[in-house]
Amino acid sequence: MYYNKFSLLRWNKLLLIYLSIDFIVEIQSSSLSVFSLNKDRVDRLEFIKSLSDDGWSNRDICNYFNHNNILTPKGRVYTPQNIWMTLKKYQKRLDRELDYKIVDIKEEVSLITLNKPPFYEG
């Protein structure tokens, strides 16, 4: 990642001095990528996780979905094993999203002097 921040150091009628600070941030992750899911699937996963976090058993969740005629993404009825595996895979997905560390931050500072700033029209 690359960030650049300009800070005004001194304003003079004849000279404008900027301090340019460039940041280069190196991030390390063990996962190659995390694919985005469509909104319906994310909503379903978050709903299943919230029910589980509220104390519902896998059998209770599966009975709720089957009673309300909500099918799996493959068009089948839910089983407790489906709920268990869905929760397990969703938790792994959440862990992958947070599995990174900042390895190195490099900072380059330079002074820029201009007679007129690029945005100055007077």
PDB file of N, CA and C in Angstrom:
ATOM      1  N   MET A   1       0.840  -1.167   0.000  1.00  0.00           N
ATOM      2  CA  MET A   1       0.000   0.000   0.000  1.00  0.00           C
ATOM      3  C   MET A   1       0.888   1.233   0.000  1.00  0.00           C
ATOM      4  N   TYR A   2       0.391   2.288  -0.574  1.00  0.00           N
ATOM      5  CA  TYR A   2       1.181   3.492  -0.727  1.00  0.00           C
ATOM      6  C   TYR A   2       0.328   4.691  -0.326  1.00  0.00           C
ATOM      7  N   TYR A   3       0.800   5.466   0.619  1.00  0.00           N
ATOM      8  CA  TYR A   3       0.080   6.642   1.082  1.00  0.00           C
ATOM      9  C   TYR A   3       0.973   7.864   0.936  1.00  0.00           C
ATOM     10  N   ASN A   4       0.385   8.995   0.637  1.00  0.00           N
ATOM     11  CA  ASN A   4       1.133  10.228   0.525  1.00  0.00           C
ATOM     12  C   ASN A   4       0.357  11.312   1.244  1.00  0.00           C
ATOM     13  N   LYS A   5       1.045  12.057   2.078  1.00  0.00           N
ATOM     14  CA  LYS A   5       0.382  13.112   2.832  1.00  0.00           C
ATOM     15  C   LYS A   5       1.213  14.380   2.701  1.00  0.00           C
ATOM     16  N   PHE A   6       0.555  15.470   2.326  1.00  0.00           N
ATOM     17  CA  PHE A   6       1.221  16.755   2.233  1.00  0.00           C
ATOM     18  C   PHE A   6       0.845  17.579   3.449  1.00  0.00           C
ATOM     19  N   SER A   7       1.824  18.200   4.052  1.00  0.00           N
ATOM     20  CA  SER A   7       1.596  19.094   5.179  1.00  0.00           C
ATOM     21  C   SER A   7       2.214  20.446   4.859  1.00  0.00           C
ATOM     22  N   LEU A   8       1.462  21.502   5.084  1.00  0.00           N
ATOM     23  CA  LEU A   8       1.970  22.838   4.851  1.00  0.00           C
ATOM     24  C   LEU A   8       2.864  23.230   6.020  1.00  0.00           C
ATOM     25  N   LEU A   9       4.130  23.553   5.709  1.00  0.00           N
ATOM     26  CA  LEU A   9       5.065  23.929   6.758  1.00  0.00           C
ATOM     27  C   LEU A   9       5.102  25.434   6.975  1.00  0.00           C
ATOM     28  N   ARG A  10       5.193  26.191   5.908  1.00  0.00           N
ATOM     29  CA  ARG A  10       5.371  27.626   6.051  1.00  0.00           C
ATOM     30  C   ARG A  10       4.754  28.342   4.856  1.00  0.00           C
ATOM     31  N   TRP A  11       3.982  29.339   5.141  1.00  0.00           N
ATOM     32  CA  TRP A  11       3.399  30.127   4.060  1.00  0.00           C
ATOM     33  C   TRP A  11       4.045  31.495   4.097  1.00  0.00           C
ATOM     34  N   ASN A  12       4.598  31.890   2.996  1.00  0.00           N
ATOM     35  CA  ASN A  12       5.263  33.166   2.862  1.00  0.00           C
ATOM     36  C   ASN A  12       4.747  33.765   1.559  1.00  0.00           C
ATOM     37  N   LYS A  13       4.780  35.072   1.426  1.00  0.00           N
ATOM     38  CA  LYS A  13       4.298  35.682   0.194  1.00  0.00           C
ATOM     39  C   LYS A  13       5.126  35.244  -1.009  1.00  0.00           C
ATOM     40  N   LEU A  14       6.387  34.917  -0.788  1.00  0.00           N
ATOM     41  CA  LEU A  14       7.258  34.570  -1.901  1.00  0.00           C
ATOM     42  C   LEU A  14       7.483  33.072  -2.062  1.00  0.00           C
ATOM     43  N   LEU A  15       7.305  32.294  -0.991  1.00  0.00           N
ATOM     44  CA  LEU A  15       7.708  30.893  -1.054  1.00  0.00           C
ATOM     45  C   LEU A  15       6.703  30.009  -0.322  1.00  0.00           C
ATOM     46  N   LEU A  16       6.378  28.907  -0.920  1.00  0.00           N
ATOM     47  CA  LEU A  16       5.494  27.918  -0.313  1.00  0.00           C
ATOM     48  C   LEU A  16       6.292  26.636  -0.150  1.00  0.00           C
ATOM     49  N   ILE A  17       6.324  26.106   1.066  1.00  0.00           N
ATOM     50  CA  ILE A  17       7.094  24.893   1.343  1.00  0.00           C
ATOM     51  C   ILE A  17       6.132  23.805   1.809  1.00  0.00           C
ATOM     52  N   TYR A  18       6.193  22.645   1.170  1.00  0.00           N
ATOM     53  CA  TYR A  18       5.407  21.483   1.559  1.00  0.00           C
ATOM     54  C   TYR A  18       6.345  20.402   2.069  1.00  0.00           C
ATOM     55  N   LEU A  19       5.870  19.654   3.011  1.00  0.00           N
ATOM     56  CA  LEU A  19       6.567  18.468   3.472  1.00  0.00           C
ATOM     57  C   LEU A  19       5.809  17.274   2.919  1.00  0.00           C
ATOM     58  N   SER A  20       6.450  16.487   2.106  1.00  0.00           N
ATOM     59  CA  SER A  20       5.832  15.313   1.511  1.00  0.00           C
ATOM     60  C   SER A  20       6.289  14.080   2.282  1.00  0.00           C
ATOM     61  N   ILE A  21       5.333  13.314   2.797  1.00  0.00           N
ATOM     62  CA  ILE A  21       5.642  12.090   3.532  1.00  0.00           C
ATOM     63  C   ILE A  21       4.995  10.930   2.789  1.00  0.00           C
ATOM     64  N   ASP A  22       5.807  10.022   2.298  1.00  0.00           N
ATOM     65  CA  ASP A  22       5.330   8.838   1.597  1.00  0.00           C
ATOM     66  C   ASP A  22       5.468   7.633   2.512  1.00  0.00           C
ATOM     67  N   PHE A  23       4.395   6.853   2.628  1.00  0.00           N
ATOM     68  CA  PHE A  23       4.409   5.640   3.440  1.00  0.00           C
ATOM     69  C   PHE A  23       4.273   4.427   2.533  1.00  0.00           C
ATOM     70  N   ILE A  24       5.097   3.440   2.759  1.00  0.00           N
ATOM     71  CA  ILE A  24       4.989   2.154   2.075  1.00  0.00           C
ATOM     72  C   ILE A  24       4.763   1.108   3.167  1.00  0.00           C
ATOM     73  N   VAL A  25       3.594   0.474   3.133  1.00  0.00           N
ATOM     74  CA  VAL A  25       3.211  -0.490   4.163  1.00  0.00           C
ATOM     75  C   VAL A  25       3.225  -1.889   3.542  1.00  0.00           C
ATOM     76  N   GLU A  26       3.994  -2.798   4.145  1.00  0.00           N
ATOM     77  CA  GLU A  26       4.064  -4.183   3.683  1.00  0.00           C
ATOM     78  C   GLU A  26       3.231  -5.046   4.619  1.00  0.00           C
ATOM     79  N   ILE A  27       2.264  -5.763   4.035  1.00  0.00           N
ATOM     80  CA  ILE A  27       1.351  -6.608   4.804  1.00  0.00           C
ATOM     81  C   ILE A  27       1.564  -8.055   4.394  1.00  0.00           C
ATOM     82  N   GLN A  28       1.622  -8.947   5.374  1.00  0.00           N
ATOM     83  CA  GLN A  28       1.809 -10.374   5.118  1.00  0.00           C
ATOM     84  C   GLN A  28       0.544 -11.122   5.537  1.00  0.00           C
ATOM     85  N   SER A  29       0.110 -12.056   4.677  1.00  0.00           N
ATOM     86  CA  SER A  29      -1.078 -12.849   4.958  1.00  0.00           C
ATOM     87  C   SER A  29      -0.825 -14.280   4.514  1.00  0.00           C
ATOM     88  N   SER A  30      -1.401 -15.235   5.233  1.00  0.00           N
ATOM     89  CA  SER A  30      -1.229 -16.635   4.852  1.00  0.00           C
ATOM     90  C   SER A  30      -2.268 -17.069   3.825  1.00  0.00           C
ATOM     91  N   SER A  31      -3.320 -16.294   3.640  1.00  0.00           N
ATOM     92  CA  SER A  31      -4.333 -16.641   2.649  1.00  0.00           C
ATOM     93  C   SER A  31      -4.101 -15.849   1.378  1.00  0.00           C
ATOM     94  N   LEU A  32      -4.312 -16.473   0.250  1.00  0.00           N
ATOM     95  CA  LEU A  32      -4.091 -15.797  -1.025  1.00  0.00           C
ATOM     96  C   LEU A  32      -5.172 -14.756  -1.285  1.00  0.00           C
ATOM     97  N   SER A  33      -6.411 -15.115  -0.992  1.00  0.00           N
ATOM     98  CA  SER A  33      -7.489 -14.154  -1.193  1.00  0.00           C
ATOM     99  C   SER A  33      -8.734 -14.642  -0.464  1.00  0.00           C
ATOM    100  N   VAL A  34      -9.629 -13.728  -0.259  1.00  0.00           N
ATOM    101  CA  VAL A  34     -10.927 -14.057   0.314  1.00  0.00           C
ATOM    102  C   VAL A  34     -11.953 -13.580  -0.703  1.00  0.00           C
ATOM    103  N   PHE A  35     -12.664 -14.506  -1.308  1.00  0.00           N
ATOM    104  CA  PHE A  35     -13.625 -14.160  -2.343  1.00  0.00           C
ATOM    105  C   PHE A  35     -14.866 -13.554  -1.717  1.00  0.00           C
ATOM    106  N   SER A  36     -15.444 -12.608  -2.413  1.00  0.00           N
ATOM    107  CA  SER A  36     -16.661 -11.995  -1.903  1.00  0.00           C
ATOM    108  C   SER A  36     -17.863 -12.870  -2.262  1.00  0.00           C
ATOM    109  N   LEU A  37     -18.826 -12.883  -1.380  1.00  0.00           N
ATOM    110  CA  LEU A  37     -20.043 -13.650  -1.576  1.00  0.00           C
ATOM    111  C   LEU A  37     -21.183 -12.697  -1.900  1.00  0.00           C
ATOM    112  N   ASN A  38     -22.237 -13.240  -2.529  1.00  0.00           N
ATOM    113  CA  ASN A  38     -23.365 -12.357  -2.814  1.00  0.00           C
ATOM    114  C   ASN A  38     -24.103 -12.032  -1.515  1.00  0.00           C
ATOM    115  N   LYS A  39     -24.880 -10.964  -1.541  1.00  0.00           N
ATOM    116  CA  LYS A  39     -25.502 -10.432  -0.332  1.00  0.00           C
ATOM    117  C   LYS A  39     -26.445 -11.444   0.325  1.00  0.00           C
ATOM    118  N   ASP A  40     -27.198 -12.198  -0.461  1.00  0.00           N
ATOM    119  CA  ASP A  40     -28.137 -13.179   0.104  1.00  0.00           C
ATOM    120  C   ASP A  40     -27.395 -14.253   0.911  1.00  0.00           C
ATOM    121  N   ARG A  41     -26.277 -14.712   0.375  1.00  0.00           N
ATOM    122  CA  ARG A  41     -25.522 -15.749   1.070  1.00  0.00           C
ATOM    123  C   ARG A  41     -24.900 -15.210   2.354  1.00  0.00           C
ATOM    124  N   VAL A  42     -24.370 -14.000   2.292  1.00  0.00           N
ATOM    125  CA  VAL A  42     -23.779 -13.388   3.485  1.00  0.00           C
ATOM    126  C   VAL A  42     -24.851 -13.191   4.554  1.00  0.00           C
ATOM    127  N   ASP A  43     -26.039 -12.720   4.145  1.00  0.00           N
ATOM    128  CA  ASP A  43     -27.144 -12.529   5.098  1.00  0.00           C
ATOM    129  C   ASP A  43     -27.536 -13.856   5.755  1.00  0.00           C
ATOM    130  N   ARG A  44     -27.586 -14.922   4.951  1.00  0.00           N
ATOM    131  CA  ARG A  44     -27.947 -16.234   5.492  1.00  0.00           C
ATOM    132  C   ARG A  44     -26.893 -16.721   6.482  1.00  0.00           C
ATOM    133  N   LEU A  45     -25.618 -16.559   6.125  1.00  0.00           N
ATOM    134  CA  LEU A  45     -24.536 -16.995   7.016  1.00  0.00           C
ATOM    135  C   LEU A  45     -24.540 -16.204   8.319  1.00  0.00           C
ATOM    136  N   GLU A  46     -24.723 -14.897   8.221  1.00  0.00           N
ATOM    137  CA  GLU A  46     -24.767 -14.066   9.431  1.00  0.00           C
ATOM    138  C   GLU A  46     -25.971 -14.424  10.296  1.00  0.00           C
ATOM    139  N   PHE A  47     -27.102 -14.758   9.663  1.00  0.00           N
ATOM    140  CA  PHE A  47     -28.297 -15.143  10.417  1.00  0.00           C
ATOM    141  C   PHE A  47     -28.072 -16.462  11.153  1.00  0.00           C
ATOM    142  N   ILE A  48     -27.490 -17.437  10.460  1.00  0.00           N
ATOM    143  CA  ILE A  48     -27.202 -18.730  11.100  1.00  0.00           C
ATOM    144  C   ILE A  48     -26.234 -18.530  12.263  1.00  0.00           C
ATOM    145  N   LYS A  49     -25.199 -17.711  12.058  1.00  0.00           N
ATOM    146  CA  LYS A  49     -24.226 -17.457  13.129  1.00  0.00           C
ATOM    147  C   LYS A  49     -24.880 -16.738  14.309  1.00  0.00           C
ATOM    148  N   SER A  50     -25.760 -15.789  14.027  1.00  0.00           N
ATOM    149  CA  SER A  50     -26.417 -15.068  15.124  1.00  0.00           C
ATOM    150  C   SER A  50     -27.329 -15.996  15.927  1.00  0.00           C
ATOM    151  N   LEU A  51     -28.027 -16.899  15.240  1.00  0.00           N
ATOM    152  CA  LEU A  51     -28.861 -17.872  15.965  1.00  0.00           C
ATOM    153  C   LEU A  51     -27.994 -18.778  16.834  1.00  0.00           C
ATOM    154  N   SER A  52     -26.872 -19.215  16.282  1.00  0.00           N
ATOM    155  CA  SER A  52     -25.969 -20.076  17.044  1.00  0.00           C
ATOM    156  C   SER A  52     -25.395 -19.326  18.243  1.00  0.00           C
ATOM    157  N   ASP A  53     -25.024 -18.055  18.038  1.00  0.00           N
ATOM    158  CA  ASP A  53     -24.485 -17.248  19.136  1.00  0.00           C
ATOM    159  C   ASP A  53     -25.530 -16.989  20.219  1.00  0.00           C
ATOM    160  N   ASP A  54     -26.815 -16.990  19.815  1.00  0.00           N
ATOM    161  CA  ASP A  54     -27.903 -16.795  20.776  1.00  0.00           C
ATOM    162  C   ASP A  54     -28.261 -18.070  21.536  1.00  0.00           C
ATOM    163  N   GLY A  55     -27.556 -19.168  21.249  1.00  0.00           N
ATOM    164  CA  GLY A  55     -27.766 -20.399  21.999  1.00  0.00           C
ATOM    165  C   GLY A  55     -28.603 -21.449  21.291  1.00  0.00           C
ATOM    166  N   TRP A  56     -28.992 -21.211  20.063  1.00  0.00           N
ATOM    167  CA  TRP A  56     -29.762 -22.214  19.319  1.00  0.00           C
ATOM    168  C   TRP A  56     -28.848 -23.376  18.959  1.00  0.00           C
ATOM    169  N   SER A  57     -29.369 -24.587  19.060  1.00  0.00           N
ATOM    170  CA  SER A  57     -28.594 -25.762  18.647  1.00  0.00           C
ATOM    171  C   SER A  57     -28.677 -25.909  17.133  1.00  0.00           C
ATOM    172  N   ASN A  58     -27.799 -26.741  16.583  1.00  0.00           N
ATOM    173  CA  ASN A  58     -27.832 -26.994  15.140  1.00  0.00           C
ATOM    174  C   ASN A  58     -29.170 -27.585  14.722  1.00  0.00           C
ATOM    175  N   ARG A  59     -29.726 -28.460  15.563  1.00  0.00           N
ATOM    176  CA  ARG A  59     -31.026 -29.068  15.255  1.00  0.00           C
ATOM    177  C   ARG A  59     -32.138 -28.014  15.280  1.00  0.00           C
ATOM    178  N   ASP A  60     -32.087 -27.079  16.247  1.00  0.00           N
ATOM    179  CA  ASP A  60     -33.094 -26.016  16.303  1.00  0.00           C
ATOM    180  C   ASP A  60     -33.037 -25.133  15.059  1.00  0.00           C
ATOM    181  N   ILE A  61     -31.832 -24.784  14.630  1.00  0.00           N
ATOM    182  CA  ILE A  61     -31.672 -23.937  13.445  1.00  0.00           C
ATOM    183  C   ILE A  61     -32.172 -24.659  12.205  1.00  0.00           C
ATOM    184  N   CYS A  62     -31.813 -25.923  12.084  1.00  0.00           N
ATOM    185  CA  CYS A  62     -32.242 -26.697  10.914  1.00  0.00           C
ATOM    186  C   CYS A  62     -33.764 -26.859  10.901  1.00  0.00           C
ATOM    187  N   ASN A  63     -34.382 -27.087  12.066  1.00  0.00           N
ATOM    188  CA  ASN A  63     -35.844 -27.189  12.132  1.00  0.00           C
ATOM    189  C   ASN A  63     -36.511 -25.858  11.774  1.00  0.00           C
ATOM    190  N   TYR A  64     -35.919 -24.754  12.202  1.00  0.00           N
ATOM    191  CA  TYR A  64     -36.472 -23.434  11.885  1.00  0.00           C
ATOM    192  C   TYR A  64     -36.480 -23.217  10.368  1.00  0.00           C
ATOM    193  N   PHE A  65     -35.348 -23.497   9.720  1.00  0.00           N
ATOM    194  CA  PHE A  65     -35.271 -23.314   8.260  1.00  0.00           C
ATOM    195  C   PHE A  65     -36.227 -24.249   7.534  1.00  0.00           C
ATOM    196  N   ASN A  66     -36.272 -25.505   7.933  1.00  0.00           N
ATOM    197  CA  ASN A  66     -37.154 -26.466   7.260  1.00  0.00           C
ATOM    198  C   ASN A  66     -38.621 -26.127   7.496  1.00  0.00           C
ATOM    199  N   HIS A  67     -38.987 -25.668   8.696  1.00  0.00           N
ATOM    200  CA  HIS A  67     -40.368 -25.300   9.006  1.00  0.00           C
ATOM    201  C   HIS A  67     -40.814 -24.103   8.153  1.00  0.00           C
ATOM    202  N   ASN A  68     -39.873 -23.188   7.860  1.00  0.00           N
ATOM    203  CA  ASN A  68     -40.184 -22.007   7.052  1.00  0.00           C
ATOM    204  C   ASN A  68     -39.878 -22.204   5.570  1.00  0.00           C
ATOM    205  N   ASN A  69     -39.680 -23.451   5.150  1.00  0.00           N
ATOM    206  CA  ASN A  69     -39.435 -23.814   3.747  1.00  0.00           C
ATOM    207  C   ASN A  69     -38.253 -23.042   3.131  1.00  0.00           C
ATOM    208  N   ILE A  70     -37.196 -22.875   3.922  1.00  0.00           N
ATOM    209  CA  ILE A  70     -35.969 -22.253   3.425  1.00  0.00           C
ATOM    210  C   ILE A  70     -34.996 -23.382   3.095  1.00  0.00           C
ATOM    211  N   LEU A  71     -34.572 -23.436   1.840  1.00  0.00           N
ATOM    212  CA  LEU A  71     -33.705 -24.512   1.384  1.00  0.00           C
ATOM    213  C   LEU A  71     -32.244 -24.071   1.384  1.00  0.00           C
ATOM    214  N   THR A  72     -31.349 -25.051   1.331  1.00  0.00           N
ATOM    215  CA  THR A  72     -29.925 -24.763   1.235  1.00  0.00           C
ATOM    216  C   THR A  72     -29.646 -24.126  -0.133  1.00  0.00           C
ATOM    217  N   PRO A  73     -28.464 -23.553  -0.326  1.00  0.00           N
ATOM    218  CA  PRO A  73     -28.146 -22.986  -1.643  1.00  0.00           C
ATOM    219  C   PRO A  73     -28.223 -24.007  -2.778  1.00  0.00           C
ATOM    220  N   LYS A  74     -28.075 -25.288  -2.450  1.00  0.00           N
ATOM    221  CA  LYS A  74     -28.191 -26.334  -3.475  1.00  0.00           C
ATOM    222  C   LYS A  74     -29.627 -26.834  -3.645  1.00  0.00           C
ATOM    223  N   GLY A  75     -30.560 -26.236  -2.909  1.00  0.00           N
ATOM    224  CA  GLY A  75     -31.964 -26.598  -3.070  1.00  0.00           C
ATOM    225  C   GLY A  75     -32.413 -27.795  -2.248  1.00  0.00           C
ATOM    226  N   ARG A  76     -31.707 -28.136  -1.194  1.00  0.00           N
ATOM    227  CA  ARG A  76     -32.056 -29.284  -0.352  1.00  0.00           C
ATOM    228  C   ARG A  76     -32.553 -28.798   1.003  1.00  0.00           C
ATOM    229  N   VAL A  77     -33.135 -29.721   1.768  1.00  0.00           N
ATOM    230  CA  VAL A  77     -33.561 -29.371   3.125  1.00  0.00           C
ATOM    231  C   VAL A  77     -32.335 -29.381   4.038  1.00  0.00           C
ATOM    232  N   TYR A  78     -32.420 -28.609   5.106  1.00  0.00           N
ATOM    233  CA  TYR A  78     -31.306 -28.513   6.050  1.00  0.00           C
ATOM    234  C   TYR A  78     -31.270 -29.711   6.982  1.00  0.00           C
ATOM    235  N   THR A  79     -30.051 -30.093   7.354  1.00  0.00           N
ATOM    236  CA  THR A  79     -29.830 -31.108   8.377  1.00  0.00           C
ATOM    237  C   THR A  79     -28.920 -30.485   9.437  1.00  0.00           C
ATOM    238  N   PRO A  80     -28.862 -31.044  10.631  1.00  0.00           N
ATOM    239  CA  PRO A  80     -27.935 -30.509  11.634  1.00  0.00           C
ATOM    240  C   PRO A  80     -26.482 -30.504  11.149  1.00  0.00           C
ATOM    241  N   GLN A  81     -26.133 -31.502  10.326  1.00  0.00           N
ATOM    242  CA  GLN A  81     -24.776 -31.558   9.787  1.00  0.00           C
ATOM    243  C   GLN A  81     -24.508 -30.375   8.839  1.00  0.00           C
ATOM    244  N   ASN A  82     -25.536 -29.985   8.035  1.00  0.00           N
ATOM    245  CA  ASN A  82     -25.396 -28.808   7.162  1.00  0.00           C
ATOM    246  C   ASN A  82     -25.108 -27.552   7.985  1.00  0.00           C
ATOM    247  N   ILE A  83     -25.838 -27.391   9.070  1.00  0.00           N
ATOM    248  CA  ILE A  83     -25.669 -26.221   9.919  1.00  0.00           C
ATOM    249  C   ILE A  83     -24.281 -26.237  10.553  1.00  0.00           C
ATOM    250  N   TRP A  84     -23.862 -27.382  11.058  1.00  0.00           N
ATOM    251  CA  TRP A  84     -22.549 -27.511  11.691  1.00  0.00           C
ATOM    252  C   TRP A  84     -21.437 -27.159  10.704  1.00  0.00           C
ATOM    253  N   MET A  85     -21.505 -27.717   9.495  1.00  0.00           N
ATOM    254  CA  MET A  85     -20.470 -27.466   8.493  1.00  0.00           C
ATOM    255  C   MET A  85     -20.507 -26.014   8.021  1.00  0.00           C
ATOM    256  N   THR A  86     -21.693 -25.457   7.869  1.00  0.00           N
ATOM    257  CA  THR A  86     -21.820 -24.051   7.473  1.00  0.00           C
ATOM    258  C   THR A  86     -21.169 -23.147   8.508  1.00  0.00           C
ATOM    259  N   LEU A  87     -21.444 -23.403   9.785  1.00  0.00           N
ATOM    260  CA  LEU A  87     -20.843 -22.600  10.851  1.00  0.00           C
ATOM    261  C   LEU A  87     -19.323 -22.753  10.888  1.00  0.00           C
ATOM    262  N   LYS A  88     -18.852 -23.982  10.690  1.00  0.00           N
ATOM    263  CA  LYS A  88     -17.412 -24.234  10.713  1.00  0.00           C
ATOM    264  C   LYS A  88     -16.713 -23.508   9.562  1.00  0.00           C
ATOM    265  N   LYS A  89     -17.260 -23.607   8.350  1.00  0.00           N
ATOM    266  CA  LYS A  89     -16.648 -22.947   7.195  1.00  0.00           C
ATOM    267  C   LYS A  89     -16.741 -21.427   7.307  1.00  0.00           C
ATOM    268  N   TYR A  90     -17.853 -20.938   7.845  1.00  0.00           N
ATOM    269  CA  TYR A  90     -18.002 -19.492   8.001  1.00  0.00           C
ATOM    270  C   TYR A  90     -16.994 -18.950   9.019  1.00  0.00           C
ATOM    271  N   GLN A  91     -16.768 -19.681  10.095  1.00  0.00           N
ATOM    272  CA  GLN A  91     -15.788 -19.254  11.094  1.00  0.00           C
ATOM    273  C   GLN A  91     -14.381 -19.239  10.497  1.00  0.00           C
ATOM    274  N   LYS A  92     -14.042 -20.248   9.679  1.00  0.00           N
ATOM    275  CA  LYS A  92     -12.740 -20.266   9.009  1.00  0.00           C
ATOM    276  C   LYS A  92     -12.597 -19.063   8.080  1.00  0.00           C
ATOM    277  N   ARG A  93     -13.688 -18.712   7.400  1.00  0.00           N
ATOM    278  CA  ARG A  93     -13.680 -17.561   6.505  1.00  0.00           C
ATOM    279  C   ARG A  93     -13.419 -16.271   7.276  1.00  0.00           C
ATOM    280  N   LEU A  94     -14.102 -16.124   8.421  1.00  0.00           N
ATOM    281  CA  LEU A  94     -13.895 -14.934   9.243  1.00  0.00           C
ATOM    282  C   LEU A  94     -12.460 -14.864   9.759  1.00  0.00           C
ATOM    283  N   ASP A  95     -11.903 -16.011  10.127  1.00  0.00           N
ATOM    284  CA  ASP A  95     -10.518 -16.052  10.604  1.00  0.00           C
ATOM    285  C   ASP A  95      -9.542 -15.654   9.499  1.00  0.00           C
ATOM    286  N   ARG A  96      -9.808 -16.091   8.255  1.00  0.00           N
ATOM    287  CA  ARG A  96      -8.925 -15.738   7.136  1.00  0.00           C
ATOM    288  C   ARG A  96      -8.947 -14.241   6.859  1.00  0.00           C
ATOM    289  N   GLU A  97     -10.106 -13.617   7.008  1.00  0.00           N
ATOM    290  CA  GLU A  97     -10.206 -12.184   6.754  1.00  0.00           C
ATOM    291  C   GLU A  97      -9.348 -11.387   7.732  1.00  0.00           C
ATOM    292  N   LEU A  98      -9.177 -11.892   8.941  1.00  0.00           N
ATOM    293  CA  LEU A  98      -8.428 -11.174   9.964  1.00  0.00           C
ATOM    294  C   LEU A  98      -6.992 -11.659  10.102  1.00  0.00           C
ATOM    295  N   ASP A  99      -6.591 -12.632   9.266  1.00  0.00           N
ATOM    296  CA  ASP A  99      -5.267 -13.235   9.387  1.00  0.00           C
ATOM    297  C   ASP A  99      -4.243 -12.478   8.546  1.00  0.00           C
ATOM    298  N   TYR A 100      -3.724 -11.385   9.083  1.00  0.00           N
ATOM    299  CA  TYR A 100      -2.667 -10.644   8.433  1.00  0.00           C
ATOM    300  C   TYR A 100      -1.844  -9.932   9.497  1.00  0.00           C
ATOM    301  N   LYS A 101      -0.657  -9.549   9.111  1.00  0.00           N
ATOM    302  CA  LYS A 101       0.156  -8.744  10.026  1.00  0.00           C
ATOM    303  C   LYS A 101       0.959  -7.744   9.204  1.00  0.00           C
ATOM    304  N   ILE A 102       1.222  -6.602   9.802  1.00  0.00           N
ATOM    305  CA  ILE A 102       2.015  -5.568   9.156  1.00  0.00           C
ATOM    306  C   ILE A 102       3.479  -5.895   9.400  1.00  0.00           C
ATOM    307  N   VAL A 103       4.214  -6.121   8.331  1.00  0.00           N
ATOM    308  CA  VAL A 103       5.604  -6.551   8.415  1.00  0.00           C
ATOM    309  C   VAL A 103       6.543  -5.350   8.494  1.00  0.00           C
ATOM    310  N   ASP A 104       6.303  -4.351   7.661  1.00  0.00           N
ATOM    311  CA  ASP A 104       7.248  -3.246   7.586  1.00  0.00           C
ATOM    312  C   ASP A 104       6.522  -1.974   7.159  1.00  0.00           C
ATOM    313  N   ILE A 105       6.946  -0.858   7.717  1.00  0.00           N
ATOM    314  CA  ILE A 105       6.441   0.450   7.312  1.00  0.00           C
ATOM    315  C   ILE A 105       7.652   1.309   6.997  1.00  0.00           C
ATOM    316  N   LYS A 106       7.719   1.786   5.764  1.00  0.00           N
ATOM    317  CA  LYS A 106       8.817   2.654   5.348  1.00  0.00           C
ATOM    318  C   LYS A 106       8.260   4.055   5.141  1.00  0.00           C
ATOM    319  N   GLU A 107       9.043   5.020   5.533  1.00  0.00           N
ATOM    320  CA  GLU A 107       8.621   6.408   5.477  1.00  0.00           C
ATOM    321  C   GLU A 107       9.688   7.207   4.749  1.00  0.00           C
ATOM    322  N   GLU A 108       9.280   7.950   3.725  1.00  0.00           N
ATOM    323  CA  GLU A 108      10.200   8.799   2.988  1.00  0.00           C
ATOM    324  C   GLU A 108       9.708  10.239   3.109  1.00  0.00           C
ATOM    325  N   VAL A 109      10.584  11.116   3.546  1.00  0.00           N
ATOM    326  CA  VAL A 109      10.232  12.517   3.758  1.00  0.00           C
ATOM    327  C   VAL A 109      11.006  13.366   2.767  1.00  0.00           C
ATOM    328  N   SER A 110      10.307  14.301   2.134  1.00  0.00           N
ATOM    329  CA  SER A 110      10.987  15.226   1.231  1.00  0.00           C
ATOM    330  C   SER A 110      10.309  16.586   1.287  1.00  0.00           C
ATOM    331  N   LEU A 111      11.089  17.616   1.049  1.00  0.00           N
ATOM    332  CA  LEU A 111      10.579  18.984   1.019  1.00  0.00           C
ATOM    333  C   LEU A 111      10.313  19.390  -0.418  1.00  0.00           C
ATOM    334  N   ILE A 112       9.192  20.054  -0.633  1.00  0.00           N
ATOM    335  CA  ILE A 112       8.838  20.543  -1.954  1.00  0.00           C
ATOM    336  C   ILE A 112       8.599  22.038  -1.827  1.00  0.00           C
ATOM    337  N   THR A 113       9.281  22.827  -2.643  1.00  0.00           N
ATOM    338  CA  THR A 113       9.072  24.272  -2.626  1.00  0.00           C
ATOM    339  C   THR A 113       8.469  24.697  -3.949  1.00  0.00           C
ATOM    340  N   LEU A 114       7.476  25.555  -3.871  1.00  0.00           N
ATOM    341  CA  LEU A 114       6.797  26.061  -5.057  1.00  0.00           C
ATOM    342  C   LEU A 114       6.646  27.566  -4.917  1.00  0.00           C
ATOM    343  N   ASN A 115       6.738  28.284  -6.018  1.00  0.00           N
ATOM    344  CA  ASN A 115       6.464  29.711  -5.964  1.00  0.00           C
ATOM    345  C   ASN A 115       4.981  29.958  -5.778  1.00  0.00           C
ATOM    346  N   LYS A 116       4.179  29.168  -6.453  1.00  0.00           N
ATOM    347  CA  LYS A 116       2.720  29.267  -6.277  1.00  0.00           C
ATOM    348  C   LYS A 116       2.202  27.837  -6.130  1.00  0.00           C
ATOM    349  N   PRO A 117       1.278  27.628  -5.222  1.00  0.00           N
ATOM    350  CA  PRO A 117       0.695  26.280  -5.120  1.00  0.00           C
ATOM    351  C   PRO A 117      -0.141  25.996  -6.352  1.00  0.00           C
ATOM    352  N   PRO A 118      -0.289  24.738  -6.733  1.00  0.00           N
ATOM    353  CA  PRO A 118      -1.039  24.401  -7.959  1.00  0.00           C
ATOM    354  C   PRO A 118      -2.507  24.834  -7.889  1.00  0.00           C
ATOM    355  N   PHE A 119      -3.061  24.989  -6.698  1.00  0.00           N
ATOM    356  CA  PHE A 119      -4.456  25.365  -6.554  1.00  0.00           C
ATOM    357  C   PHE A 119      -4.641  26.878  -6.414  1.00  0.00           C
ATOM    358  N   TYR A 120      -3.525  27.638  -6.371  1.00  0.00           N
ATOM    359  CA  TYR A 120      -3.574  29.084  -6.156  1.00  0.00           C
ATOM    360  C   TYR A 120      -3.776  29.790  -7.492  1.00  0.00           C
ATOM    361  N   GLU A 121      -4.803  30.638  -7.579  1.00  0.00           N
ATOM    362  CA  GLU A 121      -5.091  31.329  -8.827  1.00  0.00           C
ATOM    363  C   GLU A 121      -4.899  32.834  -8.713  1.00  0.00           C
ATOM    364  N   GLY A 122      -4.523  33.365  -7.549  1.00  0.00           N
ATOM    365  CA  GLY A 122      -4.449  34.808  -7.344  1.00  0.00           C
ATOM    366  C   GLY A 122      -3.180  35.448  -7.739  1.00  0.00           C
TER     367      GLY A 122
END
